């Protein structure tokens, strides 16, 4: 039986769909608000647990700069690799 609900991902991965639909809709604003609240500075360390595609880790990395460190952890290796 073929599912024509529109929820099938024929041309993109779950990670790509997550970035395109979830992050674009509300995730990027949430990421910015979270990082502002944490108020990281140059040289700080950050840990993004259950990071999915690493949106928070990617956003905070330039803020902490080359002397800082950011680590993203997720159970789904495909999300980290951008191909879940």
PDB file of N, CA and C in Angstrom:
ATOM      1  N   UNK A   1       0.839  -1.181   0.000  1.00  0.00           N
ATOM      2  CA  UNK A   1       0.000   0.000   0.000  1.00  0.00           C
ATOM      3  C   UNK A   1       0.883   1.243   0.000  1.00  0.00           C
ATOM      4  N   UNK A   2       0.575   2.175  -0.836  1.00  0.00           N
ATOM      5  CA  UNK A   2       1.351   3.394  -0.961  1.00  0.00           C
ATOM      6  C   UNK A   2       0.737   4.502  -0.116  1.00  0.00           C
ATOM      7  N   UNK A   3       1.574   5.174   0.660  1.00  0.00           N
ATOM      8  CA  UNK A   3       1.101   6.273   1.505  1.00  0.00           C
ATOM      9  C   UNK A   3       1.254   7.584   0.745  1.00  0.00           C
ATOM     10  N   UNK A   4       0.163   8.238   0.452  1.00  0.00           N
ATOM     11  CA  UNK A   4       0.178   9.508  -0.275  1.00  0.00           C
ATOM     12  C   UNK A   4      -0.163  10.675   0.647  1.00  0.00           C
ATOM     13  N   UNK A   5       0.181  10.552   1.923  1.00  0.00           N
ATOM     14  CA  UNK A   5      -0.181  11.568   2.906  1.00  0.00           C
ATOM     15  C   UNK A   5       0.659  12.835   2.793  1.00  0.00           C
ATOM     16  N   UNK A   6       1.755  12.765   2.069  1.00  0.00           N
ATOM     17  CA  UNK A   6       2.632  13.930   2.000  1.00  0.00           C
ATOM     18  C   UNK A   6       3.746  13.882   3.025  1.00  0.00           C
ATOM     19  N   UNK A   7       3.760  12.868   3.867  1.00  0.00           N
ATOM     20  CA  UNK A   7       4.777  12.753   4.912  1.00  0.00           C
ATOM     21  C   UNK A   7       5.934  11.856   4.493  1.00  0.00           C
ATOM     22  N   UNK A   8       5.940  11.391   3.284  1.00  0.00           N
ATOM     23  CA  UNK A   8       7.028  10.558   2.799  1.00  0.00           C
ATOM     24  C   UNK A   8       8.188  11.447   2.348  1.00  0.00           C
ATOM     25  N   UNK A   9       9.394  11.003   2.622  1.00  0.00           N
ATOM     26  CA  UNK A   9      10.584  11.771   2.261  1.00  0.00           C
ATOM     27  C   UNK A   9      11.282  11.099   1.096  1.00  0.00           C
ATOM     28  N   UNK A  10      10.809  11.375  -0.087  1.00  0.00           N
ATOM     29  CA  UNK A  10      11.358  10.728  -1.274  1.00  0.00           C
ATOM     30  C   UNK A  10      12.642  11.400  -1.752  1.00  0.00           C
ATOM     31  N   UNK A  11      12.718  12.712  -1.663  1.00  0.00           N
ATOM     32  CA  UNK A  11      13.842  13.405  -2.267  1.00  0.00           C
ATOM     33  C   UNK A  11      14.813  14.018  -1.261  1.00  0.00           C
ATOM     34  N   UNK A  12      14.544  13.888   0.039  1.00  0.00           N
ATOM     35  CA  UNK A  12      15.467  14.439   1.016  1.00  0.00           C
ATOM     36  C   UNK A  12      15.522  13.556   2.248  1.00  0.00           C
ATOM     37  N   UNK A  13      16.587  13.675   2.998  1.00  0.00           N
ATOM     38  CA  UNK A  13      16.752  12.878   4.199  1.00  0.00           C
ATOM     39  C   UNK A  13      15.959  13.502   5.346  1.00  0.00           C
ATOM     40  N   UNK A  14      15.835  12.755   6.426  1.00  0.00           N
ATOM     41  CA  UNK A  14      15.167  13.280   7.616  1.00  0.00           C
ATOM     42  C   UNK A  14      15.922  14.506   8.129  1.00  0.00           C
ATOM     43  N   UNK A  15      17.234  14.438   8.127  1.00  0.00           N
ATOM     44  CA  UNK A  15      18.041  15.568   8.597  1.00  0.00           C
ATOM     45  C   UNK A  15      17.800  16.815   7.747  1.00  0.00           C
ATOM     46  N   UNK A  16      17.731  16.630   6.435  1.00  0.00           N
ATOM     47  CA  UNK A  16      17.459  17.773   5.545  1.00  0.00           C
ATOM     48  C   UNK A  16      16.059  18.330   5.790  1.00  0.00           C
ATOM     49  N   UNK A  17      15.086  17.455   5.966  1.00  0.00           N
ATOM     50  CA  UNK A  17      13.720  17.895   6.231  1.00  0.00           C
ATOM     51  C   UNK A  17      13.637  18.613   7.573  1.00  0.00           C
ATOM     52  N   UNK A  18      14.342  18.112   8.574  1.00  0.00           N
ATOM     53  CA  UNK A  18      14.383  18.750   9.895  1.00  0.00           C
ATOM     54  C   UNK A  18      14.901  20.185   9.782  1.00  0.00           C
ATOM     55  N   UNK A  19      16.003  20.348   9.061  1.00  0.00           N
ATOM     56  CA  UNK A  19      16.565  21.692   8.873  1.00  0.00           C
ATOM     57  C   UNK A  19      15.601  22.590   8.100  1.00  0.00           C
ATOM     58  N   UNK A  20      15.021  22.065   7.022  1.00  0.00           N
ATOM     59  CA  UNK A  20      14.166  22.857   6.149  1.00  0.00           C
ATOM     60  C   UNK A  20      12.842  23.251   6.809  1.00  0.00           C
ATOM     61  N   UNK A  21      12.192  22.322   7.501  1.00  0.00           N
ATOM     62  CA  UNK A  21      10.845  22.579   8.011  1.00  0.00           C
ATOM     63  C   UNK A  21      10.799  22.919   9.502  1.00  0.00           C
ATOM     64  N   UNK A  22      11.464  22.146  10.323  1.00  0.00           N
ATOM     65  CA  UNK A  22      11.405  22.376  11.769  1.00  0.00           C
ATOM     66  C   UNK A  22      12.251  23.579  12.165  1.00  0.00           C
ATOM     67  N   UNK A  23      13.514  23.570  11.756  1.00  0.00           N
ATOM     68  CA  UNK A  23      14.392  24.668  12.142  1.00  0.00           C
ATOM     69  C   UNK A  23      13.956  25.988  11.508  1.00  0.00           C
ATOM     70  N   UNK A  24      13.562  25.955  10.271  1.00  0.00           N
ATOM     71  CA  UNK A  24      13.145  27.189   9.605  1.00  0.00           C
ATOM     72  C   UNK A  24      11.879  27.762  10.232  1.00  0.00           C
ATOM     73  N   UNK A  25      10.967  26.894  10.656  1.00  0.00           N
ATOM     74  CA  UNK A  25       9.691  27.362  11.204  1.00  0.00           C
ATOM     75  C   UNK A  25       9.845  27.987  12.589  1.00  0.00           C
ATOM     76  N   UNK A  26      10.565  27.350  13.476  1.00  0.00           N
ATOM     77  CA  UNK A  26      10.682  27.906  14.826  1.00  0.00           C
ATOM     78  C   UNK A  26      12.007  27.586  15.505  1.00  0.00           C
ATOM     79  N   UNK A  27      12.744  26.639  14.996  1.00  0.00           N
ATOM     80  CA  UNK A  27      13.983  26.220  15.649  1.00  0.00           C
ATOM     81  C   UNK A  27      15.073  27.262  15.665  1.00  0.00           C
ATOM     82  N   UNK A  28      15.223  28.022  14.584  1.00  0.00           N
ATOM     83  CA  UNK A  28      16.286  29.029  14.548  1.00  0.00           C
ATOM     84  C   UNK A  28      16.035  30.138  15.558  1.00  0.00           C
ATOM     85  N   UNK A  29      14.799  30.567  15.709  1.00  0.00           N
ATOM     86  CA  UNK A  29      14.470  31.596  16.703  1.00  0.00           C
ATOM     87  C   UNK A  29      14.710  31.061  18.105  1.00  0.00           C
ATOM     88  N   UNK A  30      14.337  29.792  18.336  1.00  0.00           N
ATOM     89  CA  UNK A  30      14.547  29.168  19.639  1.00  0.00           C
ATOM     90  C   UNK A  30      16.040  29.065  19.935  1.00  0.00           C
ATOM     91  N   UNK A  31      16.826  28.701  18.935  1.00  0.00           N
ATOM     92  CA  UNK A  31      18.272  28.585  19.090  1.00  0.00           C
ATOM     93  C   UNK A  31      18.876  29.920  19.489  1.00  0.00           C
ATOM     94  N   UNK A  32      18.496  30.980  18.805  1.00  0.00           N
ATOM     95  CA  UNK A  32      19.020  32.308  19.118  1.00  0.00           C
ATOM     96  C   UNK A  32      18.649  32.729  20.535  1.00  0.00           C
ATOM     97  N   UNK A  33      17.404  32.480  20.933  1.00  0.00           N
ATOM     98  CA  UNK A  33      16.957  32.844  22.284  1.00  0.00           C
ATOM     99  C   UNK A  33      17.724  32.047  23.341  1.00  0.00           C
ATOM    100  N   UNK A  34      17.941  30.773  23.091  1.00  0.00           N
ATOM    101  CA  UNK A  34      18.668  29.927  24.036  1.00  0.00           C
ATOM    102  C   UNK A  34      20.107  30.405  24.207  1.00  0.00           C
ATOM    103  N   UNK A  35      20.758  30.701  23.105  1.00  0.00           N
ATOM    104  CA  UNK A  35      22.149  31.151  23.172  1.00  0.00           C
ATOM    105  C   UNK A  35      22.234  32.516  23.857  1.00  0.00           C
ATOM    106  N   UNK A  36      21.295  33.399  23.600  1.00  0.00           N
ATOM    107  CA  UNK A  36      21.280  34.697  24.290  1.00  0.00           C
ATOM    108  C   UNK A  36      21.123  34.515  25.794  1.00  0.00           C
ATOM    109  N   UNK A  37      20.260  33.602  26.194  1.00  0.00           N
ATOM    110  CA  UNK A  37      20.032  33.338  27.612  1.00  0.00           C
ATOM    111  C   UNK A  37      21.286  32.755  28.265  1.00  0.00           C
ATOM    112  N   UNK A  38      21.961  31.866  27.574  1.00  0.00           N
ATOM    113  CA  UNK A  38      23.189  31.268  28.112  1.00  0.00           C
ATOM    114  C   UNK A  38      24.329  32.285  28.173  1.00  0.00           C
ATOM    115  N   UNK A  39      24.292  33.271  27.291  1.00  0.00           N
ATOM    116  CA  UNK A  39      25.265  34.359  27.247  1.00  0.00           C
ATOM    117  C   UNK A  39      26.718  33.870  27.205  1.00  0.00           C
ATOM    118  N   UNK A  40      27.049  33.030  26.227  1.00  0.00           N
ATOM    119  CA  UNK A  40      28.430  32.540  26.140  1.00  0.00           C
ATOM    120  C   UNK A  40      29.379  33.649  25.712  1.00  0.00           C
ATOM    121  N   UNK A  41      30.633  33.466  26.070  1.00  0.00           N
ATOM    122  CA  UNK A  41      31.669  34.432  25.726  1.00  0.00           C
ATOM    123  C   UNK A  41      32.832  33.723  25.056  1.00  0.00           C
ATOM    124  N   UNK A  42      33.697  34.509  24.479  1.00  0.00           N
ATOM    125  CA  UNK A  42      34.888  33.977  23.831  1.00  0.00           C
ATOM    126  C   UNK A  42      35.645  33.080  24.810  1.00  0.00           C
ATOM    127  N   UNK A  43      35.991  31.877  24.363  1.00  0.00           N
ATOM    128  CA  UNK A  43      36.751  30.955  25.189  1.00  0.00           C
ATOM    129  C   UNK A  43      35.903  30.003  26.026  1.00  0.00           C
ATOM    130  N   UNK A  44      34.591  30.197  26.064  1.00  0.00           N
ATOM    131  CA  UNK A  44      33.708  29.309  26.831  1.00  0.00           C
ATOM    132  C   UNK A  44      33.589  27.947  26.168  1.00  0.00           C
ATOM    133  N   UNK A  45      33.028  27.000  26.915  1.00  0.00           N
ATOM    134  CA  UNK A  45      32.742  25.669  26.396  1.00  0.00           C
ATOM    135  C   UNK A  45      31.231  25.477  26.374  1.00  0.00           C
ATOM    136  N   UNK A  46      30.750  24.749  25.362  1.00  0.00           N
ATOM    137  CA  UNK A  46      29.317  24.466  25.246  1.00  0.00           C
ATOM    138  C   UNK A  46      29.084  23.000  24.959  1.00  0.00           C
ATOM    139  N   UNK A  47      27.983  22.467  25.494  1.00  0.00           N
ATOM    140  CA  UNK A  47      27.598  21.083  25.259  1.00  0.00           C
ATOM    141  C   UNK A  47      26.154  21.071  24.776  1.00  0.00           C
ATOM    142  N   UNK A  48      25.933  20.579  23.570  1.00  0.00           N
ATOM    143  CA  UNK A  48      24.600  20.485  22.972  1.00  0.00           C
ATOM    144  C   UNK A  48      24.188  19.017  23.006  1.00  0.00           C
ATOM    145  N   UNK A  49      23.361  18.640  24.001  1.00  0.00           N
ATOM    146  CA  UNK A  49      22.928  17.257  24.180  1.00  0.00           C
ATOM    147  C   UNK A  49      21.637  17.039  23.400  1.00  0.00           C
ATOM    148  N   UNK A  50      21.531  15.891  22.751  1.00  0.00           N
ATOM    149  CA  UNK A  50      20.392  15.584  21.867  1.00  0.00           C
ATOM    150  C   UNK A  50      20.315  16.658  20.788  1.00  0.00           C
ATOM    151  N   UNK A  51      21.440  16.912  20.154  1.00  0.00           N
ATOM    152  CA  UNK A  51      21.600  18.065  19.266  1.00  0.00           C
ATOM    153  C   UNK A  51      20.955  17.919  17.894  1.00  0.00           C
ATOM    154  N   UNK A  52      20.516  16.716  17.529  1.00  0.00           N
ATOM    155  CA  UNK A  52      19.935  16.568  16.189  1.00  0.00           C
ATOM    156  C   UNK A  52      20.970  16.904  15.137  1.00  0.00           C
ATOM    157  N   UNK A  53      20.688  17.874  14.317  1.00  0.00           N
ATOM    158  CA  UNK A  53      21.631  18.284  13.277  1.00  0.00           C
ATOM    159  C   UNK A  53      22.677  19.277  13.777  1.00  0.00           C
ATOM    160  N   UNK A  54      22.633  19.608  15.053  1.00  0.00           N
ATOM    161  CA  UNK A  54      23.649  20.472  15.651  1.00  0.00           C
ATOM    162  C   UNK A  54      23.412  21.955  15.480  1.00  0.00           C
ATOM    163  N   UNK A  55      22.163  22.368  15.383  1.00  0.00           N
ATOM    164  CA  UNK A  55      21.860  23.785  15.157  1.00  0.00           C
ATOM    165  C   UNK A  55      22.426  24.685  16.253  1.00  0.00           C
ATOM    166  N   UNK A  56      22.232  24.292  17.507  1.00  0.00           N
ATOM    167  CA  UNK A  56      22.739  25.122  18.610  1.00  0.00           C
ATOM    168  C   UNK A  56      24.264  25.102  18.607  1.00  0.00           C
ATOM    169  N   UNK A  57      24.849  23.937  18.426  1.00  0.00           N
ATOM    170  CA  UNK A  57      26.316  23.841  18.396  1.00  0.00           C
ATOM    171  C   UNK A  57      26.904  24.698  17.282  1.00  0.00           C
ATOM    172  N   UNK A  58      26.281  24.661  16.108  1.00  0.00           N
ATOM    173  CA  UNK A  58      26.770  25.471  14.985  1.00  0.00           C
ATOM    174  C   UNK A  58      26.605  26.965  15.263  1.00  0.00           C
ATOM    175  N   UNK A  59      25.527  27.333  15.934  1.00  0.00           N
ATOM    176  CA  UNK A  59      25.270  28.754  16.225  1.00  0.00           C
ATOM    177  C   UNK A  59      26.235  29.289  17.280  1.00  0.00           C
ATOM    178  N   UNK A  60      26.540  28.465  18.275  1.00  0.00           N
ATOM    179  CA  UNK A  60      27.373  28.941  19.383  1.00  0.00           C
ATOM    180  C   UNK A  60      28.867  28.920  19.056  1.00  0.00           C
ATOM    181  N   UNK A  61      29.287  28.075  18.128  1.00  0.00           N
ATOM    182  CA  UNK A  61      30.716  27.929  17.819  1.00  0.00           C
ATOM    183  C   UNK A  61      31.408  29.254  17.493  1.00  0.00           C
ATOM    184  N   UNK A  62      30.856  30.090  16.614  1.00  0.00           N
ATOM    185  CA  UNK A  62      31.542  31.357  16.347  1.00  0.00           C
ATOM    186  C   UNK A  62      31.531  32.308  17.547  1.00  0.00           C
ATOM    187  N   UNK A  63      30.557  32.146  18.430  1.00  0.00           N
ATOM    188  CA  UNK A  63      30.470  33.017  19.610  1.00  0.00           C
ATOM    189  C   UNK A  63      31.598  32.702  20.586  1.00  0.00           C
ATOM    190  N   UNK A  64      31.907  31.428  20.796  1.00  0.00           N
ATOM    191  CA  UNK A  64      32.972  31.056  21.734  1.00  0.00           C
ATOM    192  C   UNK A  64      34.342  31.142  21.074  1.00  0.00           C
ATOM    193  N   UNK A  65      34.354  31.221  19.757  1.00  0.00           N
ATOM    194  CA  UNK A  65      35.593  31.453  19.028  1.00  0.00           C
ATOM    195  C   UNK A  65      36.562  30.295  19.042  1.00  0.00           C
ATOM    196  N   UNK A  66      37.730  30.522  18.470  1.00  0.00           N
ATOM    197  CA  UNK A  66      38.718  29.451  18.339  1.00  0.00           C
ATOM    198  C   UNK A  66      39.305  28.995  19.673  1.00  0.00           C
ATOM    199  N   UNK A  67      39.210  29.798  20.700  1.00  0.00           N
ATOM    200  CA  UNK A  67      39.723  29.386  22.006  1.00  0.00           C
ATOM    201  C   UNK A  67      38.660  28.649  22.821  1.00  0.00           C
ATOM    202  N   UNK A  68      37.420  28.656  22.358  1.00  0.00           N
ATOM    203  CA  UNK A  68      36.348  27.921  23.029  1.00  0.00           C
ATOM    204  C   UNK A  68      36.194  26.535  22.447  1.00  0.00           C
ATOM    205  N   UNK A  69      35.231  25.809  22.987  1.00  0.00           N
ATOM    206  CA  UNK A  69      34.996  24.453  22.503  1.00  0.00           C
ATOM    207  C   UNK A  69      33.508  24.150  22.580  1.00  0.00           C
ATOM    208  N   UNK A  70      32.975  23.543  21.528  1.00  0.00           N
ATOM    209  CA  UNK A  70      31.570  23.151  21.486  1.00  0.00           C
ATOM    210  C   UNK A  70      31.492  21.683  21.081  1.00  0.00           C
ATOM    211  N   UNK A  71      30.690  20.926  21.814  1.00  0.00           N
ATOM    212  CA  UNK A  71      30.499  19.510  21.523  1.00  0.00           C
ATOM    213  C   UNK A  71      29.018  19.242  21.346  1.00  0.00           C
ATOM    214  N   UNK A  72      28.668  18.538  20.289  1.00  0.00           N
ATOM    215  CA  UNK A  72      27.284  18.137  20.051  1.00  0.00           C
ATOM    216  C   UNK A  72      27.165  16.625  20.178  1.00  0.00           C
ATOM    217  N   UNK A  73      26.158  16.160  20.922  1.00  0.00           N
ATOM    218  CA  UNK A  73      25.922  14.733  21.123  1.00  0.00           C
ATOM    219  C   UNK A  73      24.517  14.381  20.682  1.00  0.00           C
ATOM    220  N   UNK A  74      24.384  13.280  19.962  1.00  0.00           N
ATOM    221  CA  UNK A  74      23.064  12.787  19.579  1.00  0.00           C
ATOM    222  C   UNK A  74      23.142  11.283  19.370  1.00  0.00           C
ATOM    223  N   UNK A  75      22.078  10.567  19.726  1.00  0.00           N
ATOM    224  CA  UNK A  75      22.033   9.114  19.519  1.00  0.00           C
ATOM    225  C   UNK A  75      21.936   8.747  18.050  1.00  0.00           C
ATOM    226  N   UNK A  76      21.329   9.624  17.241  1.00  0.00           N
ATOM    227  CA  UNK A  76      21.096   9.336  15.835  1.00  0.00           C
ATOM    228  C   UNK A  76      22.276   9.846  15.011  1.00  0.00           C
ATOM    229  N   UNK A  77      23.167   8.953  14.657  1.00  0.00           N
ATOM    230  CA  UNK A  77      24.364   9.325  13.893  1.00  0.00           C
ATOM    231  C   UNK A  77      23.975   9.950  12.558  1.00  0.00           C
ATOM    232  N   UNK A  78      22.876   9.507  11.963  1.00  0.00           N
ATOM    233  CA  UNK A  78      22.428  10.047  10.693  1.00  0.00           C
ATOM    234  C   UNK A  78      22.091  11.522  10.770  1.00  0.00           C
ATOM    235  N   UNK A  79      21.518  11.963  11.895  1.00  0.00           N
ATOM    236  CA  UNK A  79      21.228  13.387  12.057  1.00  0.00           C
ATOM    237  C   UNK A  79      22.527  14.175  12.095  1.00  0.00           C
ATOM    238  N   UNK A  80      23.515  13.672  12.806  1.00  0.00           N
ATOM    239  CA  UNK A  80      24.807  14.352  12.876  1.00  0.00           C
ATOM    240  C   UNK A  80      25.491  14.405  11.524  1.00  0.00           C
ATOM    241  N   UNK A  81      25.298  13.360  10.745  1.00  0.00           N
ATOM    242  CA  UNK A  81      25.921  13.283   9.426  1.00  0.00           C
ATOM    243  C   UNK A  81      25.078  13.975   8.354  1.00  0.00           C
ATOM    244  N   UNK A  82      23.856  14.391   8.718  1.00  0.00           N
ATOM    245  CA  UNK A  82      22.984  15.055   7.753  1.00  0.00           C
ATOM    246  C   UNK A  82      22.264  14.112   6.816  1.00  0.00           C
ATOM    247  N   UNK A  83      22.102  12.836   7.220  1.00  0.00           N
ATOM    248  CA  UNK A  83      21.477  11.879   6.317  1.00  0.00           C
ATOM    249  C   UNK A  83      20.518  10.915   7.014  1.00  0.00           C
ATOM    250  N   UNK A  84      20.000  11.269   8.156  1.00  0.00           N
ATOM    251  CA  UNK A  84      19.090  10.358   8.868  1.00  0.00           C
ATOM    252  C   UNK A  84      17.863  10.055   8.049  1.00  0.00           C
TER     253      UNK A  84
END
